[in-house]
Every structure is written in C-alpha cells, then in structure tokens.
C-alpha cells in the first residue's frame, strides 16, 4: 500500500503541472510532449471542445499514446484481408487537460 503514497518529489511535480498557465494549446502540447519524453512516454491530441458556433477551443485533452484499448470488433473479425496491426494500447491513464481562461484568453 505504501507504493500509492506520493513522495515529496511527486507532490511537487504534481503542483508544478497543475499550476501551469499556457499562452496557447500549442504551447501546452509542446510542454506536455517534452515532459512525456522525459518520463518515457509519448503524447497524442485527444478530445477537444469548441465554444458554441465558433472555432475557438475551450478545452483540450492530451493523453498518452497508449491510452485506451482496441475495440473488440477488431479481434472478432474473421474475414480480414490484411494482417492486423500490432497492439499498442494498454490503458495508460496519463493525461493533461487544459481549459481556456475567459479572463486571460
């Protein structure tokens, strides 16, 4: 059970990540991508939410490239014409979600 207790270093790292303010979603992506590289994983752009009727991003989610699992239908298909791709998803939960601050833009 002690493995679940965050270290002082882990708490500081969490605080550093949570208090970040980015100028754009591209800045956030670059920051998280370099952080992920340092930690040994890669990042992909995931969910995005736009302000109603515009192309202004309100929320963006970046996640580990191994987040989630392959859909069951790809395992059950018997008449495949090509060799199936290698499994790459393992359910990793690493993610960074950013939101647009209405006060700062």
Protein backbone atom coordinates (compact mmCIF):
# COMPACT_ATOMS: atom_id res chain seq x y z
CA UNK A 1 0.00 0.00 0.00
CA UNK A 2 2.94 2.33 0.52
CA UNK A 3 3.51 2.45 -3.23
CA UNK A 4 0.37 4.62 -3.54
CA UNK A 5 1.64 7.34 -1.20
CA UNK A 6 3.17 10.13 -3.30
CA UNK A 7 6.69 11.22 -2.42
CA UNK A 8 7.56 14.84 -1.71
CA UNK A 9 9.09 14.99 -5.18
CA UNK A 10 5.90 13.57 -6.71
CA UNK A 11 3.76 16.13 -4.87
CA UNK A 12 5.95 18.98 -6.10
CA UNK A 13 5.83 17.66 -9.66
CA UNK A 14 2.01 17.46 -9.45
CA UNK A 15 1.78 21.03 -8.11
CA UNK A 16 4.05 22.22 -10.91
CA UNK A 17 1.85 20.58 -13.56
CA UNK A 18 -1.47 21.78 -12.13
CA UNK A 19 -0.47 25.43 -11.77
CA UNK A 20 0.87 25.88 -15.31
CA UNK A 21 -0.57 28.66 -17.47
CA UNK A 22 -0.01 28.42 -21.22
CA UNK A 23 -0.36 31.05 -23.91
CA UNK A 24 -1.92 28.63 -26.39
CA UNK A 25 -2.86 25.00 -26.80
CA UNK A 26 0.25 24.54 -28.95
CA UNK A 27 2.41 25.75 -26.04
CA UNK A 28 0.66 23.27 -23.74
CA UNK A 29 1.20 20.45 -26.23
CA UNK A 30 4.91 21.26 -26.59
CA UNK A 31 5.32 21.42 -22.81
CA UNK A 32 3.48 18.14 -22.16
CA UNK A 33 5.23 16.42 -25.05
CA UNK A 34 8.66 17.32 -23.65
CA UNK A 35 7.55 16.29 -20.15
CA UNK A 36 6.27 12.96 -21.51
CA UNK A 37 9.51 12.41 -23.39
CA UNK A 38 11.44 12.99 -20.15
CA UNK A 39 9.17 10.48 -18.36
CA UNK A 40 9.40 7.90 -21.16
CA UNK A 41 6.06 8.02 -22.96
CA UNK A 42 4.59 9.78 -25.98
CA UNK A 43 1.55 12.03 -26.27
CA UNK A 44 -1.33 12.37 -28.68
CA UNK A 45 -4.01 15.04 -29.02
CA UNK A 46 -7.35 13.66 -27.88
CA UNK A 47 -10.65 15.34 -27.03
CA UNK A 48 -11.35 18.98 -27.95
CA UNK A 49 -14.34 21.19 -27.12
CA UNK A 50 -15.16 24.37 -29.03
CA UNK A 51 -17.11 27.45 -28.00
CA UNK A 52 -20.61 27.09 -29.47
CA UNK A 53 -20.74 28.03 -33.15
CA UNK A 54 -17.08 29.09 -33.34
CA UNK A 55 -13.68 27.52 -33.85
CA UNK A 56 -12.37 28.84 -30.51
CA UNK A 57 -11.04 25.99 -28.37
CA UNK A 58 -12.46 25.99 -24.83
CA UNK A 59 -10.96 22.70 -23.62
CA UNK A 60 -8.30 20.35 -24.98
CA UNK A 61 -7.10 16.99 -23.71
CA UNK A 62 -3.70 15.44 -24.37
CA UNK A 63 -3.16 11.81 -23.39
CA UNK A 64 -0.59 9.04 -23.50
CA UNK A 65 -0.41 7.44 -26.93
CA UNK A 66 -1.16 4.09 -25.25
CA UNK A 67 -4.38 5.32 -23.57
CA UNK A 68 -7.46 3.16 -24.10
CA UNK A 69 -7.88 -0.27 -25.67
CA UNK A 70 -8.53 -1.62 -29.14
CA UNK A 71 -12.20 -2.16 -29.91
CA UNK A 72 -13.49 -5.71 -29.59
CA UNK A 73 -14.74 -5.77 -33.20
CA UNK A 74 -11.13 -5.78 -34.45
CA UNK A 75 -10.45 -9.03 -32.58
CA UNK A 76 -13.62 -10.79 -33.74
CA UNK A 77 -13.37 -10.14 -37.48
CA UNK A 78 -12.71 -13.45 -39.22
CA UNK A 79 -12.55 -12.29 -42.85
CA UNK A 80 -9.64 -9.86 -42.56
CA UNK A 81 -7.90 -9.06 -45.79
CA UNK A 82 -4.77 -7.66 -44.15
CA UNK A 83 -2.60 -8.70 -41.25
CA UNK A 84 -3.87 -6.92 -38.09
CA UNK A 85 -1.75 -4.11 -36.70
CA UNK A 86 0.30 -4.72 -33.59
CA UNK A 87 -1.37 -3.97 -30.26
CA UNK A 88 -0.22 -0.61 -28.92
CA UNK A 89 -2.93 0.43 -26.45
CA UNK A 90 -2.58 -0.68 -22.84
CA UNK A 91 -4.97 1.60 -20.93
CA UNK A 92 -2.42 4.15 -19.69
CA UNK A 93 -4.09 6.96 -17.70
CA UNK A 94 -1.50 9.72 -18.19
CA UNK A 95 -3.21 12.88 -19.45
CA UNK A 96 -3.20 16.66 -19.37
CA UNK A 97 -6.41 18.62 -19.81
CA UNK A 98 -6.34 22.37 -20.37
CA UNK A 99 -9.16 24.91 -20.34
CA UNK A 100 -9.37 28.39 -21.77
CA UNK A 101 -9.47 31.07 -19.09
CA UNK A 102 -12.12 33.62 -20.02
CA UNK A 103 -10.22 36.38 -18.16
CA UNK A 104 -6.86 35.90 -19.85
CA UNK A 105 -7.95 34.38 -23.18
